[in-house]
Amino acid sequence: MALPQRKAVLESMLHSSIIGFHLYEYARNFLIAARRILGLVEPTRGTQHMSSGMLGLEINSRQVVVSVSHVGIEPSIIESRLVSPQVLPSAQKLAEVVGRNGRTVIGGVEWLVSMQGAAIKLMAFESLLEHYEKYRTTVTMLQVCVPLSNTSLRPESQTRDVAAACREIAVRIRQRFGPDSLQYIEVGYVPPTEALRTSELLMPTEEWCVSTRVAVWTMLDVLVVTAIRDGLNMLPFEYVCARRLKGDGGVCVLSEFTGCSRVLNGAIRINPFSLVSVVEALDRALSLDLRDAQARMAKDWAFLDAHTTSSWVQLFVKDLKRVSLLEAERNSAVLGGVESDAGRVPTLQVLLPRKLEVEPLARAYRAATRRVFCFGLDGTLIPQDTVITHLKDNHDFVGRGQAPSPAVLHCLLALAADPANEVHVLSGRGASDMSAIFGSIDRLGLAAELGYLQRAAGTRGEGQWVRHAPATDSNQW
């Protein structure tokens, strides 16, 4: 754990009752870090193996439960997308370009960042065509790359460098093996000349959405992911669902450094740092017989069908209830209990939050000479059910952040206009999204990325965002 504030991070996490990880190796790394950095050796008599794959740490007579469960996706959402009127036109447009010669289609969708490994994938495909002559007229690659928005953590120059490398390889492949060998589509990119064209199909930024991505999955016979480091990547899950529900076969070739490769047991795993092994894996995937390919898809689908988003949430809630019961039993002597035939049963007293009373709040507002308001965006200014619905419909690479209603924006404008008021909005969204929504409101303080980026009241523009750093910044090595 190579973080300057690693001790503070661990201590803050251990104030939770339950800590969830998608993979066991993540949980194991956390437990090792807690023992090595915080010295939690003796309390881990401590590390108890419970049901549902949970582990536990005893800290100051308090139990912190570590849960391991990988989140999934909802197949019903992908199924509804497959029959939506938005997917069919996109699929037809792709089929006209990619499927016109009856070739096997391989490829994928990546961000334009170096860790996603899009350049590695293109180099591996070029090597495949160079060393396996049989694939030059039978296989084509459909690769979609999506640029990231410019932030302080991901400068535009990084995206620009990766994009330039990918375009160079793509142009070289099409010149060497013909334009039908590769369709490299960069969202929002228009080649300046015909010689630099990487695809017969252009993808404007406004056209790239979930429906277009689902259309891409319907075209791919082999999904290839060559990321050199990737934590939570749900796109292979979408691919498996789309191909299975559509009745088509498919094979996943996944980097061993992606989290989903641990749970999709039917995938062919690769080491993206070895170009030779990637090429061999592509040849293996393209050479699979029908029975083997179907067996692999069945394994992947079995996991996705059993581990949906809903089941993951239900398991987490179940774990929370179990932890609450353990806490109640531990504190039964303090909290009291009731007698039953089975003995004394502890009861836990829970103080529920009261509903906000408008009149007392209005009186306090009128009496105060200085007022500070701090509002959360998603779940407060925007109702939580509206946020969830919007995410299901627009969860995408390209930001389509939902804004509060006009009535809420009007109220914020009125509050911020009062010189006696200081109004702030906090969100986990990025700075560009927050500026687009609230940039027109003067005297409104904004905090993006959960406070990491801040914009003071009375300032506008992306350049006014500053990174928050503690008074004792230990980032200087």
Protein backbone atom coordinates (compact mmCIF):
# COMPACT_ATOMS: atom_id res chain seq x y z
CA MET A 1 0.00 0.00 0.00
CA ALA A 2 2.21 2.82 -1.33
CA LEU A 3 0.20 5.85 -0.17
CA PRO A 4 1.60 8.72 1.93
CA GLN A 5 -1.55 8.72 4.10
CA ARG A 6 -1.92 4.93 4.12
CA LYS A 7 -2.17 4.67 7.91
CA ALA A 8 -4.95 7.26 8.05
CA VAL A 9 -6.77 5.52 5.19
CA LEU A 10 -6.65 2.16 6.97
CA GLU A 11 -7.72 3.60 10.32
CA SER A 12 -10.67 5.42 8.77
CA MET A 13 -11.79 2.26 6.97
CA LEU A 14 -11.62 0.27 10.19
CA HIS A 15 -14.20 2.56 11.78
CA SER A 16 -16.77 0.80 9.59
CA SER A 17 -18.78 -2.16 10.73
CA ILE A 18 -18.43 -3.95 7.41
CA ILE A 19 -15.96 -3.50 4.56
CA GLY A 20 -16.76 -5.08 1.20
CA PHE A 21 -14.33 -6.20 -1.51
CA HIS A 22 -15.09 -7.61 -4.95
CA LEU A 23 -12.31 -10.21 -4.86
CA TYR A 24 -10.68 -12.27 -2.14
CA GLU A 25 -7.21 -11.10 -3.13
CA TYR A 26 -8.31 -7.49 -2.49
CA ALA A 27 -9.58 -8.46 0.95
CA ARG A 28 -6.40 -10.42 1.67
CA ASN A 29 -4.28 -7.41 0.71
CA PHE A 30 -6.33 -5.23 3.06
CA LEU A 31 -5.91 -7.67 5.96
CA ILE A 32 -2.15 -7.93 5.36
CA ALA A 33 -1.83 -4.14 5.19
CA ALA A 34 -3.81 -3.75 8.42
CA ARG A 35 -1.52 -6.20 10.19
CA ARG A 36 1.73 -4.82 8.77
CA ILE A 37 1.04 -1.07 9.00
CA LEU A 38 -1.23 -0.90 12.05
CA GLY A 39 0.30 -3.80 13.93
CA LEU A 40 -2.99 -5.68 14.20
CA VAL A 41 -1.35 -9.01 14.96
CA GLU A 42 -2.74 -10.08 18.33
CA PRO A 43 -6.32 -8.88 17.71
CA THR A 44 -6.55 -11.07 14.64
CA ARG A 45 -7.24 -14.12 16.66
CA GLY A 46 -9.47 -12.06 15.19
CA THR A 47 -9.59 -13.38 11.69
CA GLN A 48 -12.69 -15.56 11.80
CA HIS A 49 -14.01 -17.50 8.84
CA MET A 50 -17.75 -16.95 8.76
CA SER A 51 -20.50 -17.94 6.41
CA SER A 52 -20.93 -16.14 3.05
CA GLY A 53 -17.17 -15.88 2.66
CA MET A 54 -16.75 -13.22 5.33
CA LEU A 55 -13.72 -12.51 7.45
CA GLY A 56 -13.53 -10.50 10.64
CA LEU A 57 -11.08 -8.43 12.66
CA GLU A 58 -11.33 -7.80 16.40
CA ILE A 59 -10.33 -4.20 17.11
CA ASN A 60 -10.67 -2.81 20.62
CA SER A 61 -13.36 -5.37 21.45
CA ARG A 62 -15.25 -4.34 18.31
CA GLN A 63 -15.69 -6.58 15.30
CA VAL A 64 -15.10 -5.32 11.76
CA VAL A 65 -16.45 -7.73 9.15
CA VAL A 66 -14.71 -8.07 5.77
CA SER A 67 -17.08 -9.31 3.07
CA VAL A 68 -16.08 -10.68 -0.35
CA SER A 69 -18.63 -10.58 -3.15
CA HIS A 70 -18.21 -9.44 -6.76
CA VAL A 71 -20.92 -7.13 -8.06
CA GLY A 72 -22.69 -8.13 -11.25
CA ILE A 73 -25.05 -6.53 -13.74
CA GLU A 74 -28.76 -6.90 -14.40
CA PRO A 75 -29.30 -9.13 -17.47
CA SER A 76 -32.82 -7.76 -17.76
CA ILE A 77 -31.43 -4.31 -18.57
CA ILE A 78 -29.23 -5.69 -21.36
CA GLU A 79 -32.17 -7.74 -22.62
CA SER A 80 -34.38 -4.64 -22.82
CA ARG A 81 -31.59 -2.80 -24.64
CA LEU A 82 -31.27 -5.55 -27.24
CA VAL A 83 -34.86 -5.03 -28.38
CA SER A 84 -34.88 -1.24 -28.00
CA PRO A 85 -35.31 0.86 -31.15
CA GLN A 86 -32.00 2.63 -30.43
CA VAL A 87 -29.87 -0.52 -30.79
CA LEU A 88 -31.11 -1.72 -34.18
CA PRO A 89 -29.96 1.29 -36.25
CA SER A 90 -26.52 1.23 -34.61
CA ALA A 91 -26.17 -2.52 -35.19
CA GLN A 92 -27.19 -2.14 -38.83
CA LYS A 93 -24.68 0.67 -39.35
CA LEU A 94 -21.89 -1.45 -37.84
CA ALA A 95 -22.94 -4.52 -39.83
CA GLU A 96 -22.70 -2.60 -43.10
CA VAL A 97 -19.04 -1.87 -42.40
CA VAL A 98 -17.83 -4.82 -40.32
CA GLY A 99 -20.01 -7.72 -41.41
CA ARG A 100 -20.10 -7.13 -45.14
CA ASN A 101 -17.53 -9.84 -45.98
CA GLY A 102 -18.65 -12.49 -43.51
CA ARG A 103 -15.48 -12.24 -41.47
CA THR A 104 -15.04 -13.23 -37.84
CA VAL A 105 -15.04 -10.05 -35.76
CA ILE A 106 -12.80 -9.49 -32.74
CA GLY A 107 -12.22 -6.34 -30.70
CA GLY A 108 -13.61 -4.37 -27.80
CA VAL A 109 -14.22 -0.99 -26.19
CA GLU A 110 -11.62 0.89 -24.16
CA TRP A 111 -10.86 4.26 -22.63
CA LEU A 112 -8.00 6.15 -24.23
CA VAL A 113 -5.61 5.69 -21.32
CA SER A 114 -2.41 3.69 -21.34
CA MET A 115 -3.51 1.21 -18.65
CA GLN A 116 -6.45 0.08 -20.80
CA GLY A 117 -3.98 -1.42 -23.27
CA ALA A 118 -5.69 -0.49 -26.55
CA ALA A 119 -2.31 -0.02 -28.25
CA ILE A 120 -1.20 -3.45 -27.04
CA LYS A 121 -4.32 -4.99 -28.56
CA LEU A 122 -3.71 -3.31 -31.91
CA MET A 123 -0.06 -4.43 -31.96
CA ALA A 124 -1.11 -7.98 -31.12
CA PHE A 125 -3.64 -7.98 -33.94
CA GLU A 126 -1.03 -6.68 -36.37
CA SER A 127 1.32 -9.47 -35.29
CA LEU A 128 -1.49 -12.02 -35.68
CA LEU A 129 -2.10 -10.99 -39.29
CA GLU A 130 1.63 -10.93 -39.96
CA HIS A 131 2.32 -14.47 -38.70
CA TYR A 132 -1.01 -16.17 -39.52
CA GLU A 133 -1.77 -15.61 -43.19
CA LYS A 134 -5.10 -17.45 -42.94
CA TYR A 135 -6.60 -14.66 -40.81
CA ARG A 136 -5.83 -11.84 -43.27
CA THR A 137 -9.01 -12.49 -45.24
CA THR A 138 -11.16 -14.13 -42.57
CA VAL A 139 -10.85 -11.89 -39.50
CA THR A 140 -11.48 -8.21 -38.89
CA MET A 141 -11.07 -6.11 -35.77
CA LEU A 142 -13.69 -3.66 -34.50
CA GLN A 143 -12.07 -1.46 -31.87
CA VAL A 144 -13.82 1.50 -30.24
CA CYS A 145 -11.83 3.93 -28.08
CA VAL A 146 -13.41 6.65 -25.97
CA PRO A 147 -11.43 9.73 -24.86
CA LEU A 148 -11.58 10.82 -21.25
CA SER A 149 -12.57 14.29 -20.16
CA ASN A 150 -9.71 16.56 -19.09
CA THR A 151 -9.16 16.59 -15.32
CA SER A 152 -6.32 17.35 -12.96
CA LEU A 153 -5.80 13.62 -12.46
CA ARG A 154 -5.96 12.78 -16.17
CA PRO A 155 -4.54 15.64 -18.26
CA GLU A 156 -5.66 15.87 -21.86
CA SER A 157 -2.06 15.31 -22.97
CA GLN A 158 -2.17 11.71 -21.67
CA THR A 159 -5.25 10.91 -23.73
CA ARG A 160 -3.74 12.67 -26.74
CA ASP A 161 -0.54 10.60 -26.58
CA VAL A 162 -2.40 7.29 -26.32
CA ALA A 163 -4.75 8.30 -29.15
CA ALA A 164 -1.81 9.21 -31.39
CA ALA A 165 -0.15 5.84 -30.78
CA CYS A 166 -3.37 3.92 -31.51
CA ARG A 167 -4.07 5.88 -34.70
CA GLU A 168 -0.54 5.26 -35.97
CA ILE A 169 -0.85 1.50 -35.49
CA ALA A 170 -4.37 1.46 -36.97
CA VAL A 171 -3.30 3.31 -40.12
CA ARG A 172 -0.33 0.95 -40.53
CA ILE A 173 -2.53 -2.16 -40.22
CA ARG A 174 -4.99 -0.88 -42.83
CA GLN A 175 -2.15 -0.01 -45.20
CA ARG A 176 -0.48 -3.41 -44.79
CA PHE A 177 -3.50 -5.72 -44.78
CA GLY A 178 -6.27 -3.69 -46.37
CA PRO A 179 -9.10 -1.51 -45.02
CA ASP A 180 -11.34 -4.52 -44.34
CA SER A 181 -8.88 -5.84 -41.76
CA LEU A 182 -9.57 -3.14 -39.14
CA GLN A 183 -12.22 -0.66 -38.11
CA TYR A 184 -10.65 1.54 -35.45
CA ILE A 185 -13.30 3.98 -34.26
CA GLU A 186 -12.30 6.80 -31.95
CA VAL A 187 -15.34 8.57 -30.54
CA GLY A 188 -15.40 12.21 -31.61
CA TYR A 189 -12.38 11.90 -33.94
CA VAL A 190 -12.44 12.99 -37.58
CA PRO A 191 -9.28 12.16 -39.58
CA PRO A 192 -7.77 15.24 -41.22
CA THR A 193 -6.96 13.41 -44.47
CA GLU A 194 -8.10 10.28 -46.25
CA ALA A 195 -4.65 8.73 -45.77
CA LEU A 196 -5.10 8.89 -41.99
CA ARG A 197 -8.53 7.28 -42.00
CA THR A 198 -8.81 4.41 -39.50
CA SER A 199 -12.40 3.38 -40.24
CA GLU A 200 -15.18 3.82 -42.77
CA LEU A 201 -17.45 4.70 -39.87
CA LEU A 202 -17.22 7.90 -37.80
CA MET A 203 -18.68 8.08 -34.29
CA PRO A 204 -19.67 11.58 -33.09
CA THR A 205 -19.54 12.03 -29.33
CA GLU A 206 -23.30 12.56 -29.06
CA GLU A 207 -23.98 9.20 -30.76
CA TRP A 208 -21.92 7.16 -28.29
CA CYS A 209 -24.25 5.78 -25.62
CA VAL A 210 -25.20 2.52 -23.92
CA SER A 211 -27.32 1.42 -26.89
CA THR A 212 -24.40 1.90 -29.28
CA ARG A 213 -22.15 -0.08 -26.96
CA VAL A 214 -24.66 -2.94 -26.85
CA ALA A 215 -24.74 -2.87 -30.65
CA VAL A 216 -20.95 -3.33 -30.63
CA TRP A 217 -21.30 -6.40 -28.40
CA THR A 218 -23.72 -7.99 -30.88
CA MET A 219 -21.07 -7.69 -33.60
CA LEU A 220 -18.10 -9.21 -31.73
CA ASP A 221 -17.41 -12.93 -31.98
CA VAL A 222 -14.39 -12.55 -29.68
CA LEU A 223 -14.02 -9.89 -26.98
CA VAL A 224 -10.41 -8.92 -26.28
CA VAL A 225 -9.31 -7.01 -23.16
CA THR A 226 -5.58 -6.30 -22.85
CA ALA A 227 -5.59 -3.91 -19.87
CA ILE A 228 -2.35 -3.84 -17.88
CA ARG A 229 -4.25 -2.77 -14.75
CA ASP A 230 -8.01 -2.70 -14.38
CA GLY A 231 -10.09 -3.07 -11.22
CA LEU A 232 -13.84 -3.07 -11.76
CA ASN A 233 -14.61 -3.57 -15.45
CA MET A 234 -18.23 -4.52 -16.18
CA LEU A 235 -17.96 -4.44 -19.97
CA PRO A 236 -17.11 -8.16 -20.35
CA PHE A 237 -20.25 -8.86 -18.29
CA GLU A 238 -22.30 -6.82 -20.75
CA TYR A 239 -20.73 -8.68 -23.66
CA VAL A 240 -21.51 -12.12 -22.25
CA CYS A 241 -25.11 -11.10 -21.48
CA ALA A 242 -25.68 -9.57 -24.90
CA ARG A 243 -24.28 -12.56 -26.80
CA ARG A 244 -26.04 -15.13 -24.61
CA LEU A 245 -29.43 -13.40 -24.68
CA LYS A 246 -29.21 -12.84 -28.42
CA GLY A 247 -28.52 -16.54 -28.91
CA ASP A 248 -25.04 -16.05 -30.37
CA GLY A 249 -21.84 -17.62 -29.16
CA GLY A 250 -18.78 -15.72 -28.09
CA VAL A 251 -15.41 -16.00 -26.40
CA CYS A 252 -13.70 -13.64 -23.95
CA VAL A 253 -9.94 -13.12 -24.07
CA LEU A 254 -9.17 -11.26 -20.85
CA SER A 255 -6.04 -9.82 -19.32
CA GLU A 256 -5.10 -11.54 -16.08
CA PHE A 257 -4.78 -8.08 -14.54
CA THR A 258 -8.51 -7.35 -14.79
CA GLY A 259 -10.78 -8.12 -11.86
CA CYS A 260 -13.46 -9.79 -14.00
CA SER A 261 -10.98 -12.41 -15.25
CA ARG A 262 -11.15 -13.99 -11.77
CA VAL A 263 -14.88 -14.64 -11.98
CA LEU A 264 -15.42 -15.31 -15.70
CA ASN A 265 -13.97 -18.81 -15.66
CA GLY A 266 -14.78 -19.48 -19.30
CA ALA A 267 -12.47 -16.73 -20.51
CA ILE A 268 -9.04 -17.27 -22.03
CA ARG A 269 -6.61 -15.42 -19.77
CA ILE A 270 -3.60 -13.59 -21.15
CA ASN A 271 -0.55 -11.69 -19.95
CA PRO A 272 -0.69 -8.41 -21.91
CA PHE A 273 3.01 -7.76 -21.25
CA SER A 274 3.86 -10.73 -23.49
CA LEU A 275 2.85 -9.91 -27.05
CA VAL A 276 3.60 -13.46 -28.19
CA SER A 277 1.22 -14.97 -25.62
CA VAL A 278 -1.51 -12.50 -26.60
CA VAL A 279 -1.16 -13.50 -30.26
CA GLU A 280 -1.26 -17.18 -29.33
CA ALA A 281 -4.39 -16.61 -27.25
CA LEU A 282 -6.09 -14.84 -30.17
CA ASP A 283 -5.25 -17.78 -32.43
CA ARG A 284 -6.62 -20.15 -29.80
CA ALA A 285 -9.87 -18.20 -29.46
CA LEU A 286 -10.35 -18.05 -33.23
CA SER A 287 -9.65 -21.79 -33.54
CA LEU A 288 -12.07 -23.02 -30.85
CA ASP A 289 -14.62 -25.56 -31.99
CA LEU A 290 -18.29 -24.81 -31.41
CA ARG A 291 -18.68 -27.16 -28.43
CA ASP A 292 -15.71 -25.66 -26.56
CA ALA A 293 -16.86 -22.10 -27.25
CA GLN A 294 -20.37 -22.90 -26.01
CA ALA A 295 -19.00 -24.53 -22.84
CA ARG A 296 -16.93 -21.45 -22.08
CA MET A 297 -19.87 -19.13 -22.64
CA ALA A 298 -22.03 -21.33 -20.40
CA LYS A 299 -19.51 -20.97 -17.54
CA ASP A 300 -19.48 -17.19 -17.84
CA TRP A 301 -23.25 -16.97 -18.08
CA ALA A 302 -23.69 -19.18 -15.00
CA PHE A 303 -21.79 -16.64 -12.92
CA LEU A 304 -23.66 -13.63 -14.30
CA ASP A 305 -27.04 -15.27 -13.93
CA ALA A 306 -26.34 -16.06 -10.26
CA HIS A 307 -24.54 -12.80 -9.36
CA THR A 308 -26.70 -9.90 -10.46
CA THR A 309 -26.68 -6.42 -9.01
CA SER A 310 -29.82 -7.22 -7.05
CA SER A 311 -28.39 -10.39 -5.52
CA TRP A 312 -25.18 -8.53 -4.63
CA VAL A 313 -27.17 -5.84 -2.82
CA GLN A 314 -29.29 -8.44 -1.02
CA LEU A 315 -26.16 -10.26 0.15
CA PHE A 316 -24.63 -7.04 1.41
CA VAL A 317 -27.81 -6.14 3.29
CA LYS A 318 -27.83 -9.63 4.77
CA ASP A 319 -24.24 -9.14 5.93
CA LEU A 320 -25.18 -5.80 7.47
CA LYS A 321 -28.01 -7.41 9.39
CA ARG A 322 -25.69 -10.14 10.62
CA VAL A 323 -23.19 -7.54 11.81
CA SER A 324 -25.96 -5.62 13.57
CA LEU A 325 -26.99 -8.81 15.37
CA LEU A 326 -23.40 -9.46 16.43
CA GLU A 327 -23.12 -5.92 17.76
CA ALA A 328 -26.42 -6.30 19.60
CA GLU A 329 -25.27 -9.52 21.23
CA ARG A 330 -21.98 -7.94 22.22
CA ASN A 331 -23.67 -4.94 23.78
CA SER A 332 -26.59 -6.81 25.32
CA ALA A 333 -25.31 -6.16 28.81
CA VAL A 334 -25.40 -2.42 28.17
CA LEU A 335 -28.46 -2.19 25.99
CA GLY A 336 -30.57 -4.63 27.94
CA GLY A 337 -32.76 -7.38 26.60
CA VAL A 338 -35.99 -9.29 26.92
CA GLU A 339 -36.63 -12.71 28.37
CA SER A 340 -37.88 -15.54 26.17
CA ASP A 341 -38.13 -19.32 26.34
CA ALA A 342 -34.70 -19.46 24.71
CA GLY A 343 -33.19 -17.13 27.29
CA ARG A 344 -32.35 -13.48 27.27
CA VAL A 345 -32.57 -11.94 23.78
CA PRO A 346 -30.69 -8.66 23.31
CA THR A 347 -32.59 -5.71 21.93
CA LEU A 348 -30.94 -2.89 20.02
CA GLN A 349 -32.26 0.64 20.45
CA VAL A 350 -32.16 2.51 17.14
CA LEU A 351 -32.70 6.26 17.00
CA LEU A 352 -34.38 7.07 13.70
CA PRO A 353 -33.79 10.52 12.18
CA ARG A 354 -36.66 12.92 12.61
CA LYS A 355 -38.39 14.52 9.67
CA LEU A 356 -37.25 18.09 9.15
CA GLU A 357 -39.72 20.59 10.58
CA VAL A 358 -40.15 23.60 8.30
CA GLU A 359 -41.44 26.23 10.74
CA PRO A 360 -38.58 26.03 13.31
CA LEU A 361 -36.10 26.04 10.43
CA ALA A 362 -37.73 29.13 8.90
CA ARG A 363 -37.64 30.95 12.25
CA ALA A 364 -33.95 30.13 12.70
CA TYR A 365 -33.25 31.27 9.14
CA ARG A 366 -34.91 34.64 9.67
CA ALA A 367 -33.17 35.19 13.03
CA ALA A 368 -29.65 34.40 11.78
CA THR A 369 -27.35 37.06 10.37
CA ARG A 370 -24.95 34.57 8.75
CA ARG A 371 -25.99 31.22 7.29
CA VAL A 372 -24.08 28.28 5.77
CA PHE A 373 -25.78 25.68 3.57
CA CYS A 374 -24.11 22.44 2.44
CA PHE A 375 -26.08 20.30 0.00
CA GLY A 376 -25.30 16.92 -1.49
CA LEU A 377 -26.15 16.59 -5.18
CA ASP A 378 -27.18 13.02 -5.95
CA GLY A 379 -29.69 11.80 -3.38
CA THR A 380 -30.38 15.27 -1.92
CA LEU A 381 -30.87 17.92 -4.58
CA ILE A 382 -31.81 15.08 -6.95
CA PRO A 383 -34.07 12.33 -5.50
CA GLN A 384 -32.25 9.00 -5.08
CA ASP A 385 -34.75 7.00 -7.15
CA THR A 386 -34.32 9.48 -10.01
CA VAL A 387 -30.54 9.11 -9.79
CA ILE A 388 -30.73 5.30 -9.93
CA THR A 389 -33.08 5.35 -12.93
CA HIS A 390 -30.83 7.80 -14.75
CA LEU A 391 -27.72 5.69 -14.11
CA LYS A 392 -29.41 2.58 -15.48
CA ASP A 393 -30.37 4.44 -18.66
CA ASN A 394 -27.17 6.41 -19.20
CA HIS A 395 -24.31 4.58 -17.46
CA ASP A 396 -21.68 5.31 -20.06
CA PHE A 397 -18.13 6.44 -20.76
CA VAL A 398 -19.29 9.86 -21.90
CA GLY A 399 -20.66 11.99 -19.05
CA ARG A 400 -24.38 12.59 -19.16
CA GLY A 401 -24.77 13.96 -15.66
CA GLN A 402 -28.30 14.58 -14.53
CA ALA A 403 -29.11 18.08 -13.28
CA PRO A 404 -31.53 19.08 -10.48
CA SER A 405 -34.98 20.24 -11.44
CA PRO A 406 -35.51 23.90 -12.50
CA ALA A 407 -37.30 24.53 -9.19
CA VAL A 408 -34.28 23.34 -7.19
CA LEU A 409 -31.90 25.42 -9.32
CA HIS A 410 -34.14 28.45 -8.78
CA CYS A 411 -33.99 27.94 -5.00
CA LEU A 412 -30.19 27.60 -5.08
CA LEU A 413 -29.96 30.79 -7.11
CA ALA A 414 -32.13 32.64 -4.59
CA LEU A 415 -30.16 31.34 -1.59
CA ALA A 416 -26.80 32.16 -3.15
CA ALA A 417 -27.95 35.68 -4.09
CA ASP A 418 -28.41 36.61 -0.41
CA PRO A 419 -25.12 38.15 0.86
CA ALA A 420 -25.81 36.67 4.31
CA ASN A 421 -25.77 33.14 2.91
CA GLU A 422 -22.86 30.87 2.04
CA VAL A 423 -24.02 27.98 -0.15
CA HIS A 424 -21.99 24.90 -1.15
CA VAL A 425 -22.82 21.80 -3.23
CA LEU A 426 -20.81 18.59 -2.72
CA SER A 427 -20.73 15.67 -5.14
CA GLY A 428 -18.66 12.71 -6.23
CA ARG A 429 -18.95 13.84 -9.85
CA GLY A 430 -16.13 15.43 -11.84
CA ALA A 431 -15.40 19.12 -12.12
CA SER A 432 -16.62 19.45 -15.71
CA ASP A 433 -20.00 17.96 -14.83
CA MET A 434 -20.41 20.24 -11.81
CA SER A 435 -19.42 23.31 -13.84
CA ALA A 436 -21.92 22.44 -16.57
CA ILE A 437 -24.76 22.19 -14.05
CA PHE A 438 -23.97 25.01 -11.60
CA GLY A 439 -21.48 27.18 -13.49
CA SER A 440 -24.05 29.92 -14.16
CA ILE A 441 -24.86 30.46 -10.45
CA ASP A 442 -22.69 33.15 -8.85
CA ARG A 443 -21.64 32.93 -5.21
CA LEU A 444 -22.11 29.14 -5.17
CA GLY A 445 -19.23 27.05 -3.80
CA LEU A 446 -18.67 23.67 -5.45
CA ALA A 447 -16.80 20.56 -4.35
CA ALA A 448 -16.23 17.84 -6.97
CA GLU A 449 -14.83 14.31 -6.55
CA LEU A 450 -16.05 14.32 -2.92
CA GLY A 451 -14.08 17.43 -2.04
CA TYR A 452 -10.80 16.64 -3.80
CA LEU A 453 -11.46 19.48 -6.26
CA GLN A 454 -13.00 22.72 -4.99
CA ARG A 455 -14.25 25.90 -6.59
CA ALA A 456 -14.80 28.93 -4.40
CA ALA A 457 -17.99 30.97 -4.58
CA GLY A 458 -17.88 33.80 -7.09
CA THR A 459 -15.49 32.06 -9.53
CA ARG A 460 -16.28 30.48 -12.87
CA GLY A 461 -14.57 28.26 -15.40
CA GLU A 462 -12.57 25.04 -15.26
CA GLY A 463 -9.39 26.92 -14.39
CA GLN A 464 -10.82 28.04 -11.05
CA TRP A 465 -10.89 24.51 -9.64
CA VAL A 466 -8.17 23.83 -7.08
CA ARG A 467 -7.00 20.60 -5.52
CA HIS A 468 -7.68 20.31 -1.81
CA ALA A 469 -4.60 19.43 0.22
CA PRO A 470 -4.38 19.01 4.02
CA ALA A 471 -2.36 21.53 6.01
CA THR A 472 0.28 18.86 6.61
CA ASP A 473 0.58 17.57 3.08
CA SER A 474 2.79 14.48 3.06
CA ASN A 475 2.72 13.99 -0.70
CA GLN A 476 6.26 15.42 -0.97
CA TRP A 477 8.64 12.49 -0.82
